[in-house]
Amino acid sequence: MTDIETPSPAAPVNAAPLNPAPVPAKKHTVNFAFLWLFVLLIVAALCAGAWQLLQQGKNQQQLVDSLRVQLEEQVKLFDDRQQALEDSLNKEFIEQQSAIQANLNELAEQVDSNNARVLALSSANRDEWKLQEAQYLLRLADQRILLEQDSQNALALAISADDVLRDIDQADLVGVRKLLAEEIAVLKVAGIIDREGIYLRLSALANQIEAIPFIEPLGTQADVFEDDVVPENETLKQRITRGFYDLLHKLGSYVRVRDHGKTINAVLPPAEQKYLQQNLRLMLEQAQVALLRNEAGIYQESLVKAQNWINQYYTLNEKASAVLQELKALETEVIAPELTNFSNSSAALTEYIAKREKMAAARRGVR
């Protein structure tokens, strides 16, 4: 009898294997995916920062080109204006010299005429001499006002003339002294202008222009970072975190965030900085010329332009603030006040002298 072999029962399909495969490989795959995602974020941040720097560089280059054209036009305009000012000053100086010389000749003739009259009048007394002296002092005071705008010397001459009239002690001179007192009061209210002091202050400011630093461009100052001490047992996650924060610090040294609601100060290259320094000096020299010519409008305009340029192109440190404060103080100086002359008192005194001489001639029997 033949033995029939019965087949062994089939193994269950879902039976667990005797040697299961290790599962941690999937966990490593997830970690590497997060790592790649983090690297992609860093690369995206770098690309965004580089694009921002590139756009900012293009904008600054366009601004510098525009400013260069404006500065070249301003330099040409200032050169033409300076030449015109020099020509005008030379012409005005020659005319003033001629006018002063003519006035001096006229005054010399008047002095000679007065001397001849004094010598001819043998009966001239002390009061007549003093009247002539007061009249001469008033004419000199008028000359200081009309030709030189010198209120200080004119005021001193007018006060001296009033002292002379006071020494005469004549009741008929009360009207003359009243007019003279009113003119002296008006001149005192106008104040005394220290033109020499203002001129020297402007010269001192011109010498300080080169000491003021300009606004520095981005990336010119390298930030120094101290290396962090890396622990020996630093993990990969800690190393990546530390590298990320180091990258943020370095990006912070190249990127500046500006408020678009505020005016962006322009950064000039070294060549344009020299032009701007020359223009600032020219503005201060123009203010000095306007000071000497009593042109208050040009004087104020020159100082305002100098202040605007410093605010726009220079670093506002202590030196720049001190220069701006001095320019503001000079801007408030009144260089062309309304000055009165002594025409009324001089005419009244001349009339009094003529009346006195007529009365003296009548007493001597001279018609």
Protein backbone atom coordinates (compact mmCIF):
# COMPACT_ATOMS: atom_id res chain seq x y z
CA MET A 1 0.00 0.00 0.00
CA THR A 2 1.50 3.13 -1.13
CA ASP A 3 1.80 6.00 1.33
CA ILE A 4 0.27 9.23 0.01
CA GLU A 5 2.09 12.35 1.13
CA THR A 6 -0.31 15.00 2.41
CA PRO A 7 0.80 18.50 1.61
CA SER A 8 1.66 20.75 4.50
CA PRO A 9 -0.77 23.60 5.12
CA ALA A 10 0.13 26.86 3.36
CA ALA A 11 1.67 29.57 5.43
CA PRO A 12 -0.63 32.50 6.24
CA VAL A 13 -0.23 35.46 3.92
CA ASN A 14 -0.25 38.14 6.63
CA ALA A 15 2.06 36.33 8.89
CA ALA A 16 4.83 38.46 10.32
CA PRO A 17 8.32 37.75 8.96
CA LEU A 18 10.80 36.20 11.21
CA ASN A 19 13.36 39.03 10.65
CA PRO A 20 11.48 42.44 10.36
CA ALA A 21 13.19 45.28 8.35
CA PRO A 22 14.40 48.35 10.33
CA VAL A 23 11.95 51.34 10.32
CA PRO A 24 14.31 54.36 11.13
CA ALA A 25 15.12 54.86 7.40
CA LYS A 26 11.82 56.72 6.92
CA LYS A 27 12.59 59.03 9.84
CA HIS A 28 15.96 59.95 8.30
CA THR A 29 14.22 60.73 5.02
CA VAL A 30 11.85 63.17 6.75
CA ASN A 31 14.77 64.89 8.50
CA PHE A 32 16.61 65.34 5.20
CA ALA A 33 13.46 66.78 3.63
CA PHE A 34 13.20 69.40 6.38
CA LEU A 35 16.90 70.14 5.94
CA TRP A 36 16.49 70.70 2.21
CA LEU A 37 13.46 72.90 2.84
CA PHE A 38 15.51 74.99 5.28
CA VAL A 39 18.36 75.30 2.75
CA LEU A 40 15.89 76.39 0.07
CA LEU A 41 14.51 79.06 2.43
CA ILE A 42 18.04 80.36 3.05
CA VAL A 43 18.77 80.46 -0.70
CA ALA A 44 15.49 82.30 -1.30
CA ALA A 45 16.36 84.83 1.41
CA LEU A 46 19.80 85.37 -0.16
CA CYS A 47 18.28 85.87 -3.60
CA ALA A 48 15.74 88.34 -2.23
CA GLY A 49 18.46 90.30 -0.43
CA ALA A 50 20.67 90.35 -3.53
CA TRP A 51 17.76 91.56 -5.67
CA GLN A 52 16.95 94.30 -3.14
CA LEU A 53 20.61 95.44 -3.10
CA LEU A 54 20.70 95.44 -6.92
CA GLN A 55 17.54 97.56 -7.17
CA GLN A 56 18.79 99.95 -4.52
CA GLY A 57 22.13 100.27 -6.35
CA LYS A 58 20.33 101.12 -9.61
CA ASN A 59 18.18 103.73 -7.87
CA GLN A 60 21.23 105.31 -6.22
CA GLN A 61 23.10 105.39 -9.54
CA GLN A 62 20.17 107.15 -11.22
CA LEU A 63 20.01 109.62 -8.33
CA VAL A 64 23.78 110.26 -8.51
CA ASP A 65 23.58 110.84 -12.29
CA SER A 66 20.71 113.29 -11.83
CA LEU A 67 22.54 115.12 -9.05
CA ARG A 68 25.72 115.28 -11.14
CA VAL A 69 23.84 117.00 -13.96
CA GLN A 70 22.20 119.40 -11.50
CA LEU A 71 25.51 120.21 -9.83
CA GLU A 72 27.21 120.85 -13.17
CA GLU A 73 24.41 123.23 -14.12
CA GLN A 74 24.64 124.95 -10.74
CA VAL A 75 28.43 125.28 -11.02
CA LYS A 76 28.06 126.91 -14.44
CA LEU A 77 25.31 129.16 -13.12
CA PHE A 78 27.40 130.14 -10.10
CA ASP A 79 30.45 130.81 -12.29
CA ASP A 80 28.39 133.11 -14.50
CA ARG A 81 26.87 134.80 -11.48
CA GLN A 82 30.27 135.25 -9.86
CA GLN A 83 31.67 136.81 -13.03
CA ALA A 84 28.66 139.10 -13.26
CA LEU A 85 29.06 140.03 -9.60
CA GLU A 86 32.74 140.79 -10.10
CA ASP A 87 32.02 142.96 -13.13
CA SER A 88 29.21 144.73 -11.29
CA LEU A 89 31.38 145.24 -8.22
CA ASN A 90 34.22 146.66 -10.27
CA LYS A 91 31.89 149.03 -12.08
CA GLU A 92 30.16 150.04 -8.86
CA PHE A 93 33.50 150.50 -7.11
CA ILE A 94 34.73 152.82 -9.85
CA GLU A 95 31.47 154.79 -9.75
CA GLN A 96 31.62 155.06 -5.96
CA GLN A 97 35.23 156.17 -6.12
CA SER A 98 34.30 158.85 -8.61
CA ALA A 99 31.31 159.94 -6.52
CA ILE A 100 33.36 160.02 -3.33
CA GLN A 101 36.11 161.97 -5.02
CA ALA A 102 33.57 164.44 -6.38
CA ASN A 103 32.03 164.81 -2.93
CA LEU A 104 35.44 165.28 -1.39
CA ASN A 105 36.27 167.93 -3.95
CA GLU A 106 32.95 169.62 -3.26
CA LEU A 107 33.53 169.44 0.48
CA ALA A 108 37.04 170.81 0.03
CA GLU A 109 35.66 173.69 -2.01
CA GLN A 110 33.04 174.32 0.65
CA VAL A 111 35.68 174.27 3.37
CA ASP A 112 37.83 176.69 1.41
CA SER A 113 34.80 178.89 0.82
CA ASN A 114 33.91 178.78 4.50
CA ASN A 115 37.46 179.59 5.46
CA ALA A 116 37.44 182.54 3.10
CA ARG A 117 34.17 183.74 4.54
CA VAL A 118 35.47 183.35 8.08
CA LEU A 119 38.60 185.31 7.26
CA ALA A 120 36.54 187.99 5.52
CA LEU A 121 34.27 188.42 8.50
CA SER A 122 36.55 190.11 10.99
CA SER A 123 33.67 190.40 13.41
CA ALA A 124 32.97 186.64 13.45
CA ASN A 125 32.55 185.43 16.99
CA ARG A 126 32.75 182.08 18.75
CA ASP A 127 29.11 181.10 18.04
CA GLU A 128 29.55 181.51 14.29
CA TRP A 129 32.54 179.19 14.37
CA LYS A 130 30.53 176.58 16.25
CA LEU A 131 27.60 176.89 13.85
CA GLN A 132 29.92 176.24 10.91
CA GLU A 133 31.40 173.27 12.77
CA ALA A 134 27.94 171.80 13.47
CA GLN A 135 26.92 172.26 9.84
CA TYR A 136 30.09 170.52 8.66
CA LEU A 137 29.53 167.60 11.06
CA LEU A 138 25.98 167.12 9.79
CA ARG A 139 27.20 167.04 6.20
CA LEU A 140 29.76 164.39 7.10
CA ALA A 141 27.04 162.37 8.85
CA ASP A 142 24.87 162.53 5.72
CA GLN A 143 27.83 161.37 3.66
CA ARG A 144 28.34 158.32 5.90
CA ILE A 145 24.67 157.37 5.54
CA LEU A 146 24.22 157.96 1.82
CA LEU A 147 27.54 156.65 0.51
CA GLU A 148 28.76 154.11 3.05
CA GLN A 149 25.63 153.07 5.00
CA ASP A 150 27.77 153.53 8.12
CA SER A 151 25.26 154.17 10.89
CA GLN A 152 27.81 154.01 13.69
CA ASN A 153 30.05 156.85 12.49
CA ALA A 154 27.05 158.87 11.28
CA LEU A 155 25.47 158.61 14.72
CA ALA A 156 28.68 159.74 16.42
CA LEU A 157 28.98 162.75 14.08
CA ALA A 158 25.33 163.74 14.64
CA ILE A 159 25.73 163.53 18.42
CA SER A 160 28.87 165.69 18.19
CA ALA A 161 26.93 168.27 16.13
CA ASP A 162 24.18 168.31 18.77
CA ASP A 163 26.79 168.86 21.50
CA VAL A 164 28.16 171.84 19.56
CA LEU A 165 24.68 173.35 19.18
CA ARG A 166 24.04 172.82 22.88
CA ASP A 167 27.20 174.76 23.78
CA ILE A 168 25.97 177.77 21.76
CA ASP A 169 22.97 178.02 24.11
CA GLN A 170 20.64 179.99 21.82
CA ALA A 171 16.85 179.75 22.11
CA ASP A 172 16.49 180.06 18.33
CA LEU A 173 18.30 176.71 17.93
CA VAL A 174 15.62 174.72 19.79
CA GLY A 175 13.81 173.87 16.54
CA VAL A 176 17.03 172.71 14.89
CA ARG A 177 17.97 170.55 17.88
CA LYS A 178 14.47 169.06 17.99
CA LEU A 179 14.73 167.89 14.37
CA LEU A 180 18.23 166.59 15.01
CA ALA A 181 17.10 164.68 18.14
CA GLU A 182 14.33 162.97 16.15
CA GLU A 183 16.78 161.89 13.44
CA ILE A 184 19.25 160.60 16.04
CA ALA A 185 16.49 158.58 17.75
CA VAL A 186 15.45 156.96 14.47
CA LEU A 187 19.07 156.05 13.73
CA LYS A 188 19.53 154.53 17.18
CA VAL A 189 16.44 152.37 16.74
CA ALA A 190 17.85 151.01 13.47
CA GLY A 191 20.83 149.67 15.43
CA ILE A 192 24.50 149.38 14.61
CA ILE A 193 25.52 146.70 12.12
CA ASP A 194 28.78 144.91 12.88
CA ARG A 195 29.65 144.21 9.24
CA GLU A 196 33.26 143.35 10.00
CA GLY A 197 32.19 140.82 12.63
CA ILE A 198 29.64 139.18 10.32
CA TYR A 199 32.18 139.05 7.49
CA LEU A 200 34.74 137.33 9.74
CA ARG A 201 32.13 134.84 10.98
CA LEU A 202 31.33 133.87 7.39
CA SER A 203 35.05 133.42 6.66
CA ALA A 204 35.41 131.17 9.70
CA LEU A 205 32.49 129.02 8.51
CA ALA A 206 34.05 128.70 5.05
CA ASN A 207 37.18 127.26 6.67
CA GLN A 208 35.09 124.62 8.48
CA ILE A 209 33.44 123.18 5.34
CA GLU A 210 36.08 120.50 4.73
CA ALA A 211 35.84 119.29 8.34
CA ILE A 212 32.20 118.19 7.94
CA PRO A 213 31.90 114.53 6.81
CA PHE A 214 29.61 113.54 3.95
CA ILE A 215 26.96 110.81 4.16
CA GLU A 216 28.70 107.46 3.65
CA PRO A 217 27.36 104.92 1.10
CA LEU A 218 26.04 101.49 2.07
CA GLY A 219 28.64 98.79 2.69
CA THR A 220 31.55 101.16 3.33
CA GLN A 221 31.78 100.26 6.99
CA ALA A 222 32.40 96.57 7.63
CA ASP A 223 30.87 95.34 10.84
CA VAL A 224 33.18 93.26 12.92
CA PHE A 225 31.59 90.19 14.44
CA GLU A 226 33.32 88.17 17.07
CA ASP A 227 33.39 84.44 16.40
CA ASP A 228 31.15 82.52 18.76
CA VAL A 229 32.74 79.75 20.73
CA VAL A 230 31.57 76.48 19.17
CA PRO A 231 30.95 73.79 21.77
CA GLU A 232 32.57 70.43 21.11
CA ASN A 233 29.34 68.46 21.40
CA GLU A 234 27.30 70.77 19.13
CA THR A 235 24.53 68.95 17.28
CA LEU A 236 23.60 69.43 13.65
CA LYS A 237 20.46 71.36 14.55
CA GLN A 238 22.41 73.73 16.81
CA ARG A 239 25.03 74.25 14.08
CA ILE A 240 22.35 75.09 11.50
CA THR A 241 20.60 77.47 13.92
CA ARG A 242 23.85 79.26 14.75
CA GLY A 243 24.72 79.57 11.03
CA PHE A 244 21.28 81.02 10.29
CA TYR A 245 21.62 83.76 12.92
CA ASP A 246 25.16 84.57 11.74
CA LEU A 247 23.78 84.96 8.22
CA LEU A 248 21.05 87.31 9.47
CA HIS A 249 23.68 89.47 11.23
CA LYS A 250 25.77 89.70 8.06
CA LEU A 251 22.73 90.56 5.94
CA GLY A 252 21.87 93.28 8.44
CA SER A 253 25.20 94.97 7.71
CA TYR A 254 24.37 95.24 3.99
CA VAL A 255 20.66 96.07 4.07
CA ARG A 256 19.17 99.29 5.48
CA VAL A 257 15.45 99.75 5.93
CA ARG A 258 14.29 103.29 5.13
CA ASP A 259 10.98 105.00 5.79
CA HIS A 260 9.55 105.95 2.37
CA GLY A 261 7.69 108.83 3.99
CA LYS A 262 10.99 110.63 4.69
CA THR A 263 13.41 112.27 2.28
CA ILE A 264 16.36 110.04 1.34
CA ASN A 265 19.65 111.90 1.64
CA ALA A 266 21.82 111.51 -1.43
CA VAL A 267 25.24 109.86 -1.33
CA LEU A 268 27.80 111.64 -3.49
CA PRO A 269 30.97 110.17 -4.99
CA PRO A 270 34.28 111.82 -4.01
CA ALA A 271 34.46 113.94 -7.18
CA GLU A 272 31.00 115.39 -6.60
CA GLN A 273 31.86 116.01 -2.95
CA LYS A 274 34.67 118.34 -4.06
CA TYR A 275 32.24 120.24 -6.29
CA LEU A 276 29.79 120.59 -3.42
CA GLN A 277 32.49 121.90 -1.07
CA GLN A 278 33.47 124.51 -3.67
CA ASN A 279 29.82 125.50 -4.11
CA LEU A 280 29.38 125.91 -0.35
CA ARG A 281 32.43 128.17 -0.22
CA LEU A 282 31.04 130.14 -3.15
CA MET A 283 27.70 130.55 -1.36
CA LEU A 284 29.41 131.93 1.75
CA GLU A 285 31.54 134.28 -0.37
CA GLN A 286 28.39 135.42 -2.15
CA ALA A 287 26.84 136.17 1.25
CA GLN A 288 29.93 138.25 2.12
CA VAL A 289 29.58 140.26 -1.09
CA ALA A 290 25.87 140.80 -0.41
CA LEU A 291 26.76 141.92 3.12
CA LEU A 292 29.12 144.60 1.81
CA ARG A 293 26.59 145.72 -0.81
CA ASN A 294 23.62 145.80 1.61
CA GLU A 295 21.70 143.25 -0.49
CA ALA A 296 19.62 141.49 2.14
CA GLY A 297 17.79 139.22 -0.34
CA ILE A 298 20.93 137.67 -1.83
CA TYR A 299 22.45 137.41 1.66
CA GLN A 300 19.48 135.46 3.03
CA GLU A 301 19.20 133.26 -0.09
CA SER A 302 22.88 132.29 0.04
CA LEU A 303 22.70 131.24 3.69
CA VAL A 304 19.47 129.26 3.16
CA LYS A 305 21.01 127.34 0.23
CA ALA A 306 24.10 126.54 2.30
CA GLN A 307 21.91 125.16 5.10
CA ASN A 308 19.86 123.04 2.66
CA TRP A 309 22.97 121.51 1.10
CA ILE A 310 24.43 120.60 4.49
CA ASN A 311 21.13 119.00 5.58
CA GLN A 312 20.90 117.02 2.33
CA TYR A 313 24.43 115.78 1.68
CA TYR A 314 26.32 115.86 4.99
CA THR A 315 26.25 113.70 8.10
CA LEU A 316 24.48 115.68 10.81
CA ASN A 317 27.06 115.20 13.56
CA GLU A 318 28.19 117.74 16.15
CA LYS A 319 30.34 119.71 13.66
CA ALA A 320 27.55 119.93 11.09
CA SER A 321 25.04 120.94 13.76
CA ALA A 322 27.37 123.69 14.99
CA VAL A 323 27.81 125.03 11.43
CA LEU A 324 24.04 124.94 10.82
CA GLN A 325 23.42 126.76 14.10
CA GLU A 326 25.90 129.49 13.15
CA LEU A 327 24.36 129.82 9.66
CA LYS A 328 20.92 130.16 11.23
CA ALA A 329 22.21 132.86 13.57
CA LEU A 330 23.81 134.74 10.66
CA GLU A 331 20.56 134.46 8.70
CA THR A 332 18.75 136.42 11.42
CA GLU A 333 21.21 139.32 11.20
CA VAL A 334 19.72 142.49 9.70
CA ILE A 335 22.27 143.86 7.23
CA ALA A 336 20.23 146.53 5.42
CA PRO A 337 18.05 148.44 7.90
CA GLU A 338 16.17 151.60 7.00
CA LEU A 339 18.58 154.44 7.83
CA THR A 340 17.51 158.06 8.13
CA ASN A 341 19.57 161.03 6.98
CA PHE A 342 19.99 164.46 8.51
CA SER A 343 18.53 166.52 5.69
CA ASN A 344 15.83 168.18 7.83
CA SER A 345 18.13 169.31 10.62
CA SER A 346 20.84 170.31 8.16
CA ALA A 347 18.39 172.43 6.14
CA ALA A 348 17.05 174.06 9.31
CA LEU A 349 20.58 174.83 10.50
CA THR A 350 21.53 176.28 7.10
CA GLU A 351 18.43 178.48 7.19
CA TYR A 352 19.30 179.63 10.72
CA ILE A 353 22.88 180.49 9.72
CA ALA A 354 21.67 182.46 6.66
CA LYS A 355 19.18 184.35 8.78
CA ARG A 356 21.86 185.10 11.38
CA GLU A 357 24.30 186.36 8.73
CA LYS A 358 21.58 188.54 7.20
CA MET A 359 20.85 190.08 10.57
CA ALA A 360 24.57 190.64 11.22
CA ALA A 361 24.96 192.32 7.83
CA ALA A 362 21.97 194.52 8.56
CA ARG A 363 23.56 195.59 11.82
CA ARG A 364 26.75 196.50 9.98
CA GLY A 365 24.74 198.48 7.42
CA VAL A 366 25.39 196.09 4.54
CA ARG A 367 22.51 195.41 2.19
